[in-house]
Amino acid sequence: MNVTEAVKSRRSVRMFTDQPVELEKIRRVMDTARWAPSGCNYQPWEAAILTGQPLKDLQAKITTTPPQAAEYDWTAPGQEDEYKQRLNAVSKGMFGSMNIARDDGEGRMKAMMRNATSFDAPVVMLTYFPRLMKEAQWSDTGMWLQTVALLLREEGLDSCFQEYMALYANVIRDHLGLDHERYMLFCGMAIGYRDAQAPLNNYDRERVALDEQVKFIGWE
C-alpha cells in the first residue's frame, strides 16, 4: 500500500471484527511512527496501548463512572455555521448508516455511548503528554497520531480517534498510574480489523473542495 492509498482508505472505523491484533504489527507501527516530525525534536507524545484483560478492566471503570468536564474543548468550531454544517453532514451519514432518525435521541445517545468501550475494538491506544506542552506540541502529537493511523492501514488495520476519552481522563490516569498534575490525557485510538460489510464503516464522507481551502500563489 502506498501513501496515497493509505490516506484515502483511512477512515474512522466504528465496527471491528473480533480478530486479535498481533503484537508484532503494533510494535512495527509504533517503532516506525517514532520518525514523525516534531518541532525542535521534542517528540512530546507518550502512549499506553491496551488489549485483553487490562483493557476490559479500564472499560469497566469507564462505563461505571460519570464523565468529567473535559480538560480541553474540541467543540468550539461549531459556533460558526460553516463548521457546524460539516459536523451535521458527517453525523447525518453516520446515524443514517445505523438507521437512527434525527429525532431519536435515545438511539443516538446509545450509539454515542459505544465510545466508552471504543466500539469494541480489541486494542486501544491512549495518548498523553506533560502539561507543559503547548499548542505547537499538540500539533506535533497530531502529526504523530496521523502517522500511526496511516501505518496501521499499511498493516491492514484500522482505527478511530477518540477525543471522547478526555471525558474520563482521571479514570484513565489512575488506571495507567499517571501523575494527574503532570500529565494531560489527550485522546484514545480504537484499533483493530474493520468489519468491511458494516454500513457504519461504508457511508459516504464529504471533504471540502481543494480550492476552497488552499491558495496556489506564483504559478501562471
N, C-alpha and C. Protein backbone atom coordinates (compact mmCIF):
# COMPACT_ATOMS: atom_id res chain seq x y z
N MET A 1 0.85 -1.19 0.00
CA MET A 1 0.00 0.00 0.00
C MET A 1 0.87 1.23 0.00
N ASN A 2 0.65 2.13 -0.97
CA ASN A 2 1.43 3.37 -0.97
C ASN A 2 0.75 4.42 -0.08
N VAL A 3 1.40 5.56 0.05
CA VAL A 3 0.89 6.59 0.97
C VAL A 3 -0.49 7.08 0.54
N THR A 4 -0.67 7.32 -0.75
CA THR A 4 -1.96 7.80 -1.24
C THR A 4 -3.07 6.82 -0.91
N GLU A 5 -2.81 5.54 -1.11
CA GLU A 5 -3.82 4.52 -0.79
C GLU A 5 -4.14 4.50 0.70
N ALA A 6 -3.12 4.65 1.52
CA ALA A 6 -3.33 4.66 2.96
C ALA A 6 -4.17 5.86 3.38
N VAL A 7 -3.86 7.03 2.82
CA VAL A 7 -4.61 8.25 3.16
C VAL A 7 -6.07 8.11 2.75
N LYS A 8 -6.32 7.63 1.53
CA LYS A 8 -7.69 7.58 1.02
C LYS A 8 -8.51 6.44 1.63
N SER A 9 -7.86 5.41 2.10
CA SER A 9 -8.61 4.28 2.69
C SER A 9 -8.77 4.42 4.20
N ARG A 10 -8.02 5.36 4.80
CA ARG A 10 -8.20 5.59 6.24
C ARG A 10 -9.52 6.28 6.50
N ARG A 11 -10.25 5.81 7.46
CA ARG A 11 -11.48 6.44 7.90
C ARG A 11 -11.71 6.05 9.35
N SER A 12 -12.63 6.74 10.01
CA SER A 12 -12.95 6.40 11.39
C SER A 12 -13.81 5.14 11.39
N VAL A 13 -13.22 4.04 11.78
CA VAL A 13 -13.91 2.75 11.78
C VAL A 13 -14.53 2.52 13.15
N ARG A 14 -15.83 2.18 13.15
CA ARG A 14 -16.56 2.01 14.41
C ARG A 14 -17.21 0.64 14.52
N MET A 15 -16.86 -0.25 13.62
CA MET A 15 -17.29 -1.64 13.72
C MET A 15 -16.09 -2.51 13.39
N PHE A 16 -15.65 -3.31 14.37
CA PHE A 16 -14.47 -4.13 14.20
C PHE A 16 -14.83 -5.61 14.27
N THR A 17 -14.01 -6.45 13.66
CA THR A 17 -14.16 -7.89 13.83
C THR A 17 -13.54 -8.25 15.18
N ASP A 18 -13.73 -9.48 15.60
CA ASP A 18 -13.15 -9.92 16.88
C ASP A 18 -11.76 -10.52 16.70
N GLN A 19 -11.16 -10.35 15.53
CA GLN A 19 -9.81 -10.87 15.27
C GLN A 19 -8.80 -10.15 16.15
N PRO A 20 -8.00 -10.90 16.92
CA PRO A 20 -6.98 -10.25 17.75
C PRO A 20 -5.96 -9.53 16.88
N VAL A 21 -5.36 -8.49 17.44
CA VAL A 21 -4.32 -7.73 16.75
C VAL A 21 -2.96 -8.24 17.21
N GLU A 22 -2.12 -8.59 16.26
CA GLU A 22 -0.82 -9.16 16.57
C GLU A 22 0.11 -8.10 17.16
N LEU A 23 0.79 -8.45 18.25
CA LEU A 23 1.70 -7.53 18.91
C LEU A 23 2.81 -7.08 17.97
N GLU A 24 3.31 -7.99 17.13
CA GLU A 24 4.41 -7.61 16.25
C GLU A 24 3.99 -6.52 15.27
N LYS A 25 2.73 -6.52 14.84
CA LYS A 25 2.24 -5.47 13.95
C LYS A 25 2.19 -4.13 14.67
N ILE A 26 1.67 -4.15 15.89
CA ILE A 26 1.59 -2.91 16.66
C ILE A 26 2.98 -2.37 16.95
N ARG A 27 3.90 -3.22 17.34
CA ARG A 27 5.26 -2.77 17.63
C ARG A 27 5.92 -2.20 16.38
N ARG A 28 5.69 -2.81 15.22
CA ARG A 28 6.27 -2.33 13.97
C ARG A 28 5.74 -0.94 13.63
N VAL A 29 4.44 -0.76 13.79
CA VAL A 29 3.82 0.54 13.54
C VAL A 29 4.40 1.61 14.46
N MET A 30 4.44 1.30 15.75
CA MET A 30 4.89 2.31 16.71
C MET A 30 6.37 2.61 16.57
N ASP A 31 7.16 1.60 16.20
CA ASP A 31 8.58 1.84 16.02
C ASP A 31 8.83 2.75 14.82
N THR A 32 8.08 2.55 13.75
CA THR A 32 8.23 3.41 12.57
C THR A 32 7.70 4.81 12.84
N ALA A 33 6.60 4.91 13.58
CA ALA A 33 5.98 6.21 13.85
C ALA A 33 6.89 7.13 14.66
N ARG A 34 7.91 6.59 15.28
CA ARG A 34 8.86 7.42 16.04
C ARG A 34 9.50 8.48 15.16
N TRP A 35 9.48 8.25 13.83
CA TRP A 35 10.14 9.17 12.91
C TRP A 35 9.21 10.29 12.45
N ALA A 36 8.04 10.41 13.05
CA ALA A 36 7.15 11.53 12.75
C ALA A 36 7.84 12.84 13.15
N PRO A 37 7.54 13.95 12.45
CA PRO A 37 8.21 15.22 12.75
C PRO A 37 7.71 15.86 14.04
N SER A 38 8.58 16.62 14.65
CA SER A 38 8.17 17.43 15.80
C SER A 38 9.11 18.61 15.92
N GLY A 39 8.54 19.78 16.23
CA GLY A 39 9.34 20.98 16.38
C GLY A 39 10.42 20.81 17.43
N CYS A 40 11.65 21.21 17.09
CA CYS A 40 12.80 21.11 17.99
C CYS A 40 13.11 19.67 18.41
N ASN A 41 12.51 18.72 17.70
CA ASN A 41 12.69 17.30 18.00
C ASN A 41 12.28 16.95 19.44
N TYR A 42 11.26 17.66 19.96
CA TYR A 42 10.82 17.39 21.33
C TYR A 42 10.17 16.02 21.47
N GLN A 43 9.51 15.54 20.40
CA GLN A 43 8.82 14.24 20.46
C GLN A 43 7.95 14.17 21.74
N PRO A 44 6.96 15.05 21.85
CA PRO A 44 6.23 15.21 23.11
C PRO A 44 5.27 14.07 23.47
N TRP A 45 4.91 13.26 22.49
CA TRP A 45 3.87 12.25 22.69
C TRP A 45 4.34 11.09 23.57
N GLU A 46 3.41 10.56 24.35
CA GLU A 46 3.58 9.32 25.09
C GLU A 46 2.28 8.55 24.96
N ALA A 47 2.33 7.24 25.12
CA ALA A 47 1.11 6.45 24.94
C ALA A 47 1.20 5.13 25.70
N ALA A 48 0.04 4.59 25.98
CA ALA A 48 -0.09 3.22 26.50
C ALA A 48 -1.07 2.50 25.57
N ILE A 49 -0.75 1.27 25.21
CA ILE A 49 -1.58 0.50 24.29
C ILE A 49 -2.08 -0.74 25.02
N LEU A 50 -3.40 -0.85 25.13
CA LEU A 50 -4.01 -1.89 25.95
C LEU A 50 -4.79 -2.88 25.10
N THR A 51 -4.80 -4.11 25.54
CA THR A 51 -5.65 -5.15 24.98
C THR A 51 -5.98 -6.14 26.09
N GLY A 52 -6.83 -7.10 25.80
CA GLY A 52 -7.11 -8.16 26.77
C GLY A 52 -7.71 -7.66 28.06
N GLN A 53 -7.35 -8.31 29.16
CA GLN A 53 -7.95 -8.01 30.46
C GLN A 53 -7.66 -6.60 30.96
N PRO A 54 -6.44 -6.07 30.78
CA PRO A 54 -6.21 -4.68 31.21
C PRO A 54 -7.15 -3.70 30.53
N LEU A 55 -7.47 -3.94 29.26
CA LEU A 55 -8.41 -3.07 28.55
C LEU A 55 -9.82 -3.26 29.09
N LYS A 56 -10.22 -4.48 29.31
CA LYS A 56 -11.55 -4.75 29.85
C LYS A 56 -11.72 -4.11 31.23
N ASP A 57 -10.68 -4.19 32.05
CA ASP A 57 -10.74 -3.61 33.39
C ASP A 57 -10.93 -2.09 33.31
N LEU A 58 -10.21 -1.45 32.39
CA LEU A 58 -10.37 0.00 32.22
C LEU A 58 -11.77 0.33 31.74
N GLN A 59 -12.27 -0.39 30.79
CA GLN A 59 -13.60 -0.11 30.25
C GLN A 59 -14.68 -0.34 31.29
N ALA A 60 -14.48 -1.28 32.18
CA ALA A 60 -15.44 -1.48 33.28
C ALA A 60 -15.49 -0.25 34.18
N LYS A 61 -14.34 0.37 34.41
CA LYS A 61 -14.30 1.58 35.22
C LYS A 61 -14.96 2.75 34.49
N ILE A 62 -14.68 2.87 33.21
CA ILE A 62 -15.24 3.97 32.42
C ILE A 62 -16.76 3.89 32.37
N THR A 63 -17.29 2.70 32.13
CA THR A 63 -18.73 2.54 31.96
C THR A 63 -19.50 2.65 33.27
N THR A 64 -18.81 2.69 34.39
CA THR A 64 -19.48 2.82 35.69
C THR A 64 -19.11 4.13 36.39
N THR A 65 -18.47 5.04 35.66
CA THR A 65 -18.05 6.32 36.23
C THR A 65 -18.66 7.46 35.42
N PRO A 66 -19.26 8.45 36.09
CA PRO A 66 -19.79 9.60 35.34
C PRO A 66 -18.66 10.35 34.64
N PRO A 67 -18.92 10.89 33.46
CA PRO A 67 -17.88 11.65 32.76
C PRO A 67 -17.54 12.93 33.52
N GLN A 68 -16.30 13.36 33.38
CA GLN A 68 -15.87 14.63 33.97
C GLN A 68 -15.90 15.70 32.89
N ALA A 69 -15.73 16.94 33.31
CA ALA A 69 -15.59 18.01 32.33
C ALA A 69 -14.27 17.83 31.61
N ALA A 70 -14.31 17.90 30.28
CA ALA A 70 -13.09 17.73 29.51
C ALA A 70 -12.11 18.85 29.83
N GLU A 71 -10.82 18.52 29.79
CA GLU A 71 -9.79 19.50 30.12
C GLU A 71 -9.42 20.38 28.91
N TYR A 72 -9.99 20.10 27.78
CA TYR A 72 -9.82 20.96 26.61
C TYR A 72 -11.10 20.88 25.79
N ASP A 73 -11.30 21.85 24.90
CA ASP A 73 -12.56 21.97 24.16
C ASP A 73 -12.34 21.61 22.69
N TRP A 74 -13.04 20.58 22.24
CA TRP A 74 -12.97 20.21 20.81
C TRP A 74 -14.23 20.64 20.05
N THR A 75 -15.14 21.33 20.71
CA THR A 75 -16.42 21.68 20.09
C THR A 75 -16.50 23.12 19.61
N ALA A 76 -15.51 23.95 19.92
CA ALA A 76 -15.58 25.39 19.63
C ALA A 76 -15.88 25.72 18.16
N PRO A 77 -15.34 25.00 17.17
CA PRO A 77 -15.64 25.36 15.78
C PRO A 77 -17.13 25.33 15.44
N GLY A 78 -17.91 24.58 16.20
CA GLY A 78 -19.35 24.50 15.95
C GLY A 78 -20.09 25.80 16.16
N GLN A 79 -19.37 26.82 16.68
CA GLN A 79 -20.00 28.13 16.86
C GLN A 79 -20.21 28.84 15.53
N GLU A 80 -19.51 28.43 14.49
CA GLU A 80 -19.66 29.04 13.17
C GLU A 80 -20.37 28.07 12.24
N ASP A 81 -21.30 28.60 11.45
CA ASP A 81 -22.15 27.77 10.61
C ASP A 81 -21.37 26.88 9.66
N GLU A 82 -20.30 27.40 9.09
CA GLU A 82 -19.52 26.62 8.11
C GLU A 82 -19.04 25.31 8.70
N TYR A 83 -18.53 25.37 9.93
CA TYR A 83 -18.00 24.17 10.57
C TYR A 83 -19.13 23.30 11.13
N LYS A 84 -20.18 23.95 11.61
CA LYS A 84 -21.32 23.21 12.12
C LYS A 84 -21.95 22.37 11.02
N GLN A 85 -22.00 22.92 9.81
CA GLN A 85 -22.57 22.18 8.68
C GLN A 85 -21.74 20.94 8.36
N ARG A 86 -20.43 21.03 8.51
CA ARG A 86 -19.57 19.87 8.26
C ARG A 86 -19.84 18.78 9.30
N LEU A 87 -20.01 19.21 10.55
CA LEU A 87 -20.36 18.25 11.61
C LEU A 87 -21.70 17.60 11.32
N ASN A 88 -22.68 18.41 10.95
CA ASN A 88 -24.02 17.88 10.67
C ASN A 88 -24.00 16.88 9.51
N ALA A 89 -23.15 17.14 8.53
CA ALA A 89 -23.08 16.26 7.36
C ALA A 89 -22.55 14.89 7.75
N VAL A 90 -21.49 14.86 8.54
CA VAL A 90 -20.94 13.56 8.92
C VAL A 90 -21.86 12.85 9.90
N SER A 91 -22.54 13.61 10.76
CA SER A 91 -23.50 13.00 11.68
C SER A 91 -24.65 12.36 10.92
N LYS A 92 -25.11 13.05 9.88
CA LYS A 92 -26.20 12.51 9.05
C LYS A 92 -25.79 11.19 8.42
N GLY A 93 -24.58 11.13 7.89
CA GLY A 93 -24.11 9.90 7.28
C GLY A 93 -23.94 8.78 8.29
N MET A 94 -23.37 9.11 9.44
CA MET A 94 -23.10 8.10 10.45
C MET A 94 -24.38 7.52 11.03
N PHE A 95 -25.27 8.41 11.50
CA PHE A 95 -26.51 7.91 12.10
C PHE A 95 -27.44 7.30 11.05
N GLY A 96 -27.39 7.85 9.84
CA GLY A 96 -28.19 7.29 8.76
C GLY A 96 -27.79 5.85 8.45
N SER A 97 -26.48 5.56 8.53
CA SER A 97 -26.00 4.21 8.24
C SER A 97 -26.49 3.21 9.28
N MET A 98 -26.88 3.72 10.45
CA MET A 98 -27.39 2.86 11.52
C MET A 98 -28.92 2.90 11.60
N ASN A 99 -29.54 3.62 10.64
CA ASN A 99 -31.00 3.78 10.61
C ASN A 99 -31.53 4.41 11.90
N ILE A 100 -30.79 5.38 12.41
CA ILE A 100 -31.21 6.11 13.61
C ILE A 100 -31.70 7.48 13.16
N ALA A 101 -32.97 7.76 13.37
CA ALA A 101 -33.58 9.00 12.93
C ALA A 101 -33.04 10.20 13.71
N ARG A 102 -33.14 11.38 13.09
CA ARG A 102 -32.63 12.60 13.71
C ARG A 102 -33.31 12.89 15.05
N ASP A 103 -34.61 12.55 15.16
CA ASP A 103 -35.34 12.84 16.39
C ASP A 103 -35.28 11.69 17.39
N ASP A 104 -34.49 10.66 17.11
CA ASP A 104 -34.36 9.52 18.02
C ASP A 104 -33.22 9.78 18.99
N GLY A 105 -33.50 10.61 19.99
CA GLY A 105 -32.46 10.99 20.94
C GLY A 105 -31.89 9.81 21.70
N GLU A 106 -32.75 8.88 22.09
CA GLU A 106 -32.29 7.71 22.83
C GLU A 106 -31.37 6.84 21.98
N GLY A 107 -31.76 6.65 20.72
CA GLY A 107 -30.94 5.84 19.83
C GLY A 107 -29.58 6.48 19.57
N ARG A 108 -29.57 7.80 19.40
CA ARG A 108 -28.32 8.49 19.17
C ARG A 108 -27.41 8.42 20.38
N MET A 109 -28.00 8.57 21.56
CA MET A 109 -27.20 8.50 22.77
C MET A 109 -26.60 7.10 22.95
N LYS A 110 -27.39 6.09 22.67
CA LYS A 110 -26.91 4.71 22.80
C LYS A 110 -25.74 4.47 21.84
N ALA A 111 -25.87 4.99 20.62
CA ALA A 111 -24.80 4.84 19.64
C ALA A 111 -23.54 5.57 20.10
N MET A 112 -23.69 6.78 20.64
CA MET A 112 -22.54 7.55 21.09
C MET A 112 -21.85 6.90 22.29
N MET A 113 -22.62 6.20 23.12
CA MET A 113 -22.05 5.57 24.30
C MET A 113 -21.13 4.41 23.95
N ARG A 114 -21.16 3.96 22.69
CA ARG A 114 -20.23 2.91 22.28
C ARG A 114 -18.79 3.41 22.32
N ASN A 115 -18.64 4.75 22.38
CA ASN A 115 -17.31 5.31 22.57
C ASN A 115 -16.66 4.79 23.84
N ALA A 116 -17.47 4.54 24.86
CA ALA A 116 -16.93 4.14 26.17
C ALA A 116 -16.15 2.84 26.10
N THR A 117 -16.55 1.96 25.19
CA THR A 117 -15.82 0.70 25.00
C THR A 117 -15.05 0.70 23.68
N SER A 118 -14.79 1.90 23.17
CA SER A 118 -14.00 2.07 21.93
C SER A 118 -14.53 1.19 20.81
N PHE A 119 -15.86 1.13 20.72
CA PHE A 119 -16.54 0.42 19.64
C PHE A 119 -16.15 -1.06 19.60
N ASP A 120 -15.80 -1.59 20.80
CA ASP A 120 -15.44 -3.00 20.96
C ASP A 120 -14.20 -3.37 20.16
N ALA A 121 -13.34 -2.40 19.90
CA ALA A 121 -12.06 -2.70 19.25
C ALA A 121 -11.20 -3.53 20.19
N PRO A 122 -10.40 -4.44 19.66
CA PRO A 122 -9.58 -5.30 20.52
C PRO A 122 -8.37 -4.60 21.13
N VAL A 123 -8.02 -3.44 20.59
CA VAL A 123 -6.85 -2.69 21.07
C VAL A 123 -7.23 -1.22 21.19
N VAL A 124 -6.75 -0.57 22.24
CA VAL A 124 -6.95 0.87 22.40
C VAL A 124 -5.63 1.52 22.79
N MET A 125 -5.27 2.57 22.07
CA MET A 125 -4.10 3.35 22.42
C MET A 125 -4.55 4.63 23.10
N LEU A 126 -3.94 4.95 24.21
CA LEU A 126 -4.24 6.16 24.97
C LEU A 126 -3.03 7.08 24.92
N THR A 127 -3.24 8.28 24.42
CA THR A 127 -2.13 9.21 24.20
C THR A 127 -2.18 10.35 25.22
N TYR A 128 -1.03 10.70 25.75
CA TYR A 128 -0.93 11.75 26.76
C TYR A 128 0.42 12.42 26.62
N PHE A 129 0.57 13.55 27.30
CA PHE A 129 1.85 14.26 27.29
C PHE A 129 1.91 15.18 28.51
N PRO A 130 3.09 15.62 28.90
CA PRO A 130 3.21 16.54 30.04
C PRO A 130 2.44 17.84 29.79
N ARG A 131 1.86 18.38 30.83
CA ARG A 131 1.03 19.58 30.70
C ARG A 131 1.83 20.81 30.25
N LEU A 132 3.14 20.78 30.39
CA LEU A 132 3.93 21.93 29.95
C LEU A 132 3.94 22.07 28.42
N MET A 133 3.49 21.04 27.70
CA MET A 133 3.43 21.12 26.25
C MET A 133 2.33 22.10 25.83
N LYS A 134 2.65 22.96 24.85
CA LYS A 134 1.71 23.98 24.40
C LYS A 134 1.20 23.65 23.00
N GLU A 135 0.56 24.66 22.37
CA GLU A 135 -0.13 24.41 21.10
C GLU A 135 0.75 23.75 20.05
N ALA A 136 1.99 24.18 19.95
CA ALA A 136 2.89 23.61 18.94
C ALA A 136 3.10 22.12 19.15
N GLN A 137 3.23 21.73 20.42
CA GLN A 137 3.46 20.31 20.71
C GLN A 137 2.17 19.48 20.56
N TRP A 138 1.02 20.12 20.78
CA TRP A 138 -0.24 19.43 20.50
C TRP A 138 -0.32 19.12 19.00
N SER A 139 0.11 20.08 18.19
CA SER A 139 0.14 19.87 16.74
C SER A 139 1.09 18.74 16.38
N ASP A 140 2.26 18.71 17.01
CA ASP A 140 3.21 17.64 16.76
C ASP A 140 2.61 16.28 17.11
N THR A 141 1.88 16.23 18.21
CA THR A 141 1.24 14.97 18.62
C THR A 141 0.21 14.54 17.59
N GLY A 142 -0.51 15.51 17.02
CA GLY A 142 -1.46 15.20 15.96
C GLY A 142 -0.78 14.61 14.74
N MET A 143 0.40 15.14 14.38
CA MET A 143 1.13 14.59 13.24
C MET A 143 1.57 13.16 13.53
N TRP A 144 1.98 12.91 14.75
CA TRP A 144 2.37 11.55 15.14
C TRP A 144 1.18 10.60 15.08
N LEU A 145 0.02 11.04 15.57
CA LEU A 145 -1.17 10.21 15.54
C LEU A 145 -1.59 9.87 14.12
N GLN A 146 -1.53 10.86 13.22
CA GLN A 146 -1.84 10.60 11.82
C GLN A 146 -0.86 9.60 11.22
N THR A 147 0.40 9.74 11.58
CA THR A 147 1.40 8.79 11.11
C THR A 147 1.06 7.37 11.57
N VAL A 148 0.68 7.24 12.83
CA VAL A 148 0.27 5.94 13.36
C VAL A 148 -0.91 5.38 12.56
N ALA A 149 -1.91 6.23 12.31
CA ALA A 149 -3.11 5.78 11.61
C ALA A 149 -2.77 5.27 10.20
N LEU A 150 -1.88 5.96 9.51
CA LEU A 150 -1.52 5.55 8.15
C LEU A 150 -0.69 4.27 8.15
N LEU A 151 0.19 4.14 9.12
CA LEU A 151 0.97 2.91 9.22
C LEU A 151 0.09 1.72 9.59
N LEU A 152 -0.95 1.96 10.38
CA LEU A 152 -1.91 0.89 10.67
C LEU A 152 -2.57 0.40 9.39
N ARG A 153 -2.91 1.34 8.50
CA ARG A 153 -3.50 0.94 7.21
C ARG A 153 -2.54 0.06 6.42
N GLU A 154 -1.27 0.41 6.46
CA GLU A 154 -0.27 -0.40 5.76
C GLU A 154 -0.26 -1.84 6.27
N GLU A 155 -0.58 -2.00 7.55
CA GLU A 155 -0.61 -3.33 8.16
C GLU A 155 -1.97 -4.01 8.01
N GLY A 156 -2.89 -3.35 7.31
CA GLY A 156 -4.22 -3.93 7.14
C GLY A 156 -5.15 -3.67 8.31
N LEU A 157 -4.76 -2.76 9.19
CA LEU A 157 -5.54 -2.43 10.38
C LEU A 157 -6.25 -1.09 10.20
N ASP A 158 -7.20 -0.84 11.08
CA ASP A 158 -7.95 0.42 11.05
C ASP A 158 -8.03 1.02 12.44
N SER A 159 -8.54 2.24 12.50
CA SER A 159 -8.55 2.96 13.77
C SER A 159 -9.67 3.97 13.82
N CYS A 160 -9.88 4.51 15.01
CA CYS A 160 -10.81 5.62 15.20
C CYS A 160 -10.26 6.49 16.33
N PHE A 161 -9.98 7.76 16.01
CA PHE A 161 -9.52 8.68 17.04
C PHE A 161 -10.67 8.98 18.01
N GLN A 162 -10.36 9.08 19.30
CA GLN A 162 -11.39 9.27 20.31
C GLN A 162 -11.03 10.38 21.29
N GLU A 163 -11.37 11.61 20.96
CA GLU A 163 -11.25 12.70 21.92
C GLU A 163 -12.21 12.47 23.09
N TYR A 164 -13.23 11.67 22.85
CA TYR A 164 -14.21 11.30 23.89
C TYR A 164 -13.52 10.84 25.18
N MET A 165 -12.37 10.21 25.04
CA MET A 165 -11.70 9.67 26.23
C MET A 165 -11.24 10.76 27.19
N ALA A 166 -11.17 12.01 26.70
CA ALA A 166 -10.81 13.11 27.59
C ALA A 166 -11.85 13.30 28.70
N LEU A 167 -13.07 12.78 28.48
CA LEU A 167 -14.11 12.86 29.49
C LEU A 167 -13.86 11.92 30.66
N TYR A 168 -12.89 11.05 30.51
CA TYR A 168 -12.56 10.07 31.55
C TYR A 168 -11.07 10.13 31.89
N ALA A 169 -10.52 11.33 31.79
CA ALA A 169 -9.08 11.50 31.99
C ALA A 169 -8.62 11.00 33.36
N ASN A 170 -9.38 11.31 34.39
CA ASN A 170 -8.96 10.91 35.74
C ASN A 170 -8.96 9.39 35.89
N VAL A 171 -10.00 8.74 35.38
CA VAL A 171 -10.08 7.28 35.45
C VAL A 171 -8.90 6.65 34.71
N ILE A 172 -8.61 7.19 33.54
CA ILE A 172 -7.54 6.62 32.71
C ILE A 172 -6.18 6.86 33.35
N ARG A 173 -5.97 8.08 33.86
CA ARG A 173 -4.68 8.34 34.52
C ARG A 173 -4.47 7.41 35.70
N ASP A 174 -5.51 7.20 36.50
CA ASP A 174 -5.40 6.29 37.64
C ASP A 174 -5.08 4.87 37.16
N HIS A 175 -5.76 4.43 36.11
CA HIS A 175 -5.57 3.08 35.61
C HIS A 175 -4.15 2.87 35.09
N LEU A 176 -3.58 3.91 34.49
CA LEU A 176 -2.23 3.81 33.92
C LEU A 176 -1.14 4.20 34.91
N GLY A 177 -1.55 4.69 36.10
CA GLY A 177 -0.56 5.11 37.08
C GLY A 177 0.14 6.41 36.72
N LEU A 178 -0.59 7.32 36.07
CA LEU A 178 -0.02 8.59 35.65
C LEU A 178 -0.27 9.67 36.69
N ASP A 179 0.67 10.56 36.85
CA ASP A 179 0.55 11.70 37.76
C ASP A 179 -0.47 12.69 37.19
N HIS A 180 -1.54 12.96 37.92
CA HIS A 180 -2.59 13.87 37.45
C HIS A 180 -2.06 15.28 37.24
N GLU A 181 -1.14 15.69 38.07
CA GLU A 181 -0.62 17.05 37.96
C GLU A 181 0.31 17.20 36.75
N ARG A 182 0.98 16.16 36.39
CA ARG A 182 1.96 16.26 35.30
C ARG A 182 1.36 16.00 33.93
N TYR A 183 0.43 15.05 33.83
CA TYR A 183 0.01 14.58 32.51
C TYR A 183 -1.38 15.02 32.08
N MET A 184 -1.46 15.45 30.83
CA MET A 184 -2.71 15.73 30.14
C MET A 184 -3.07 14.50 29.32
N LEU A 185 -4.25 13.95 29.54
CA LEU A 185 -4.76 12.86 28.70
C LEU A 185 -5.35 13.49 27.44
N PHE A 186 -4.79 13.15 26.28
CA PHE A 186 -5.22 13.79 25.04
C PHE A 186 -6.36 13.05 24.36
N CYS A 187 -6.15 11.80 24.00
CA CYS A 187 -7.20 11.08 23.28
C CYS A 187 -6.95 9.58 23.33
N GLY A 188 -7.95 8.84 22.88
CA GLY A 188 -7.80 7.41 22.67
C GLY A 188 -7.78 7.12 21.18
N MET A 189 -7.41 5.90 20.84
CA MET A 189 -7.50 5.44 19.46
C MET A 189 -7.90 3.97 19.47
N ALA A 190 -9.09 3.70 18.95
CA ALA A 190 -9.54 2.32 18.81
C ALA A 190 -8.80 1.70 17.62
N ILE A 191 -8.30 0.47 17.80
CA ILE A 191 -7.50 -0.18 16.76
C ILE A 191 -7.96 -1.62 16.57
N GLY A 192 -8.09 -2.02 15.32
CA GLY A 192 -8.44 -3.40 15.03
C GLY A 192 -8.65 -3.62 13.55
N TYR A 193 -9.23 -4.77 13.21
CA TYR A 193 -9.55 -5.09 11.83
C TYR A 193 -11.00 -4.68 11.55
N ARG A 194 -11.20 -3.89 10.50
CA ARG A 194 -12.54 -3.38 10.23
C ARG A 194 -13.48 -4.48 9.75
N ASP A 195 -14.75 -4.35 10.13
CA ASP A 195 -15.82 -5.16 9.55
C ASP A 195 -16.16 -4.49 8.23
N ALA A 196 -15.69 -5.08 7.14
CA ALA A 196 -15.82 -4.45 5.83
C ALA A 196 -17.25 -4.37 5.35
N GLN A 197 -18.15 -5.18 5.90
CA GLN A 197 -19.54 -5.20 5.44
C GLN A 197 -20.45 -4.26 6.23
N ALA A 198 -19.98 -3.76 7.35
CA ALA A 198 -20.83 -2.94 8.22
C ALA A 198 -21.15 -1.60 7.56
N PRO A 199 -22.44 -1.25 7.43
CA PRO A 199 -22.80 0.05 6.85
C PRO A 199 -22.12 1.23 7.57
N LEU A 200 -21.90 1.09 8.87
CA LEU A 200 -21.28 2.15 9.65
C LEU A 200 -19.86 2.46 9.18
N ASN A 201 -19.24 1.50 8.53
CA ASN A 201 -17.88 1.71 8.00
C ASN A 201 -17.87 2.08 6.53
N ASN A 202 -19.06 2.30 5.95
CA ASN A 202 -19.12 2.50 4.50
C ASN A 202 -19.94 3.69 4.03
N TYR A 203 -20.47 4.49 4.94
CA TYR A 203 -21.25 5.64 4.49
C TYR A 203 -20.33 6.67 3.83
N ASP A 204 -20.91 7.46 2.93
CA ASP A 204 -20.13 8.46 2.20
C ASP A 204 -19.69 9.58 3.12
N ARG A 205 -18.45 9.99 2.96
CA ARG A 205 -17.91 11.12 3.72
C ARG A 205 -17.66 12.28 2.76
N GLU A 206 -17.75 13.48 3.26
CA GLU A 206 -17.53 14.66 2.43
C GLU A 206 -16.23 15.34 2.82
N ARG A 207 -15.60 15.95 1.85
CA ARG A 207 -14.44 16.79 2.10
C ARG A 207 -14.62 18.11 1.35
N VAL A 208 -14.10 19.17 1.92
CA VAL A 208 -14.19 20.48 1.30
C VAL A 208 -13.36 20.49 0.02
N ALA A 209 -13.85 21.15 -1.02
CA ALA A 209 -13.13 21.25 -2.28
C ALA A 209 -11.76 21.88 -2.07
N LEU A 210 -10.76 21.39 -2.77
CA LEU A 210 -9.39 21.85 -2.59
C LEU A 210 -9.25 23.36 -2.69
N ASP A 211 -9.85 23.96 -3.72
CA ASP A 211 -9.67 25.40 -3.95
C ASP A 211 -10.40 26.27 -2.93
N GLU A 212 -11.23 25.68 -2.10
CA GLU A 212 -11.87 26.43 -1.03
C GLU A 212 -10.95 26.56 0.18
N GLN A 213 -9.95 25.70 0.25
CA GLN A 213 -9.08 25.69 1.43
C GLN A 213 -7.64 26.09 1.14
N VAL A 214 -7.21 25.91 -0.10
CA VAL A 214 -5.79 26.12 -0.42
C VAL A 214 -5.64 27.11 -1.56
N LYS A 215 -4.74 28.07 -1.39
CA LYS A 215 -4.40 29.02 -2.45
C LYS A 215 -3.04 28.64 -3.04
N PHE A 216 -2.96 28.69 -4.37
CA PHE A 216 -1.70 28.41 -5.06
C PHE A 216 -1.19 29.72 -5.65
N ILE A 217 -0.09 30.20 -5.16
CA ILE A 217 0.38 31.54 -5.50
C ILE A 217 1.74 31.45 -6.18
N GLY A 218 1.87 32.11 -7.31
CA GLY A 218 3.14 32.18 -8.01
C GLY A 218 3.20 31.36 -9.27
N TRP A 219 2.17 30.53 -9.50
CA TRP A 219 2.10 29.78 -10.76
C TRP A 219 1.25 30.57 -11.76
N GLU A 220 1.66 30.56 -12.98
CA GLU A 220 0.89 31.27 -14.02
C GLU A 220 -0.06 30.31 -14.70
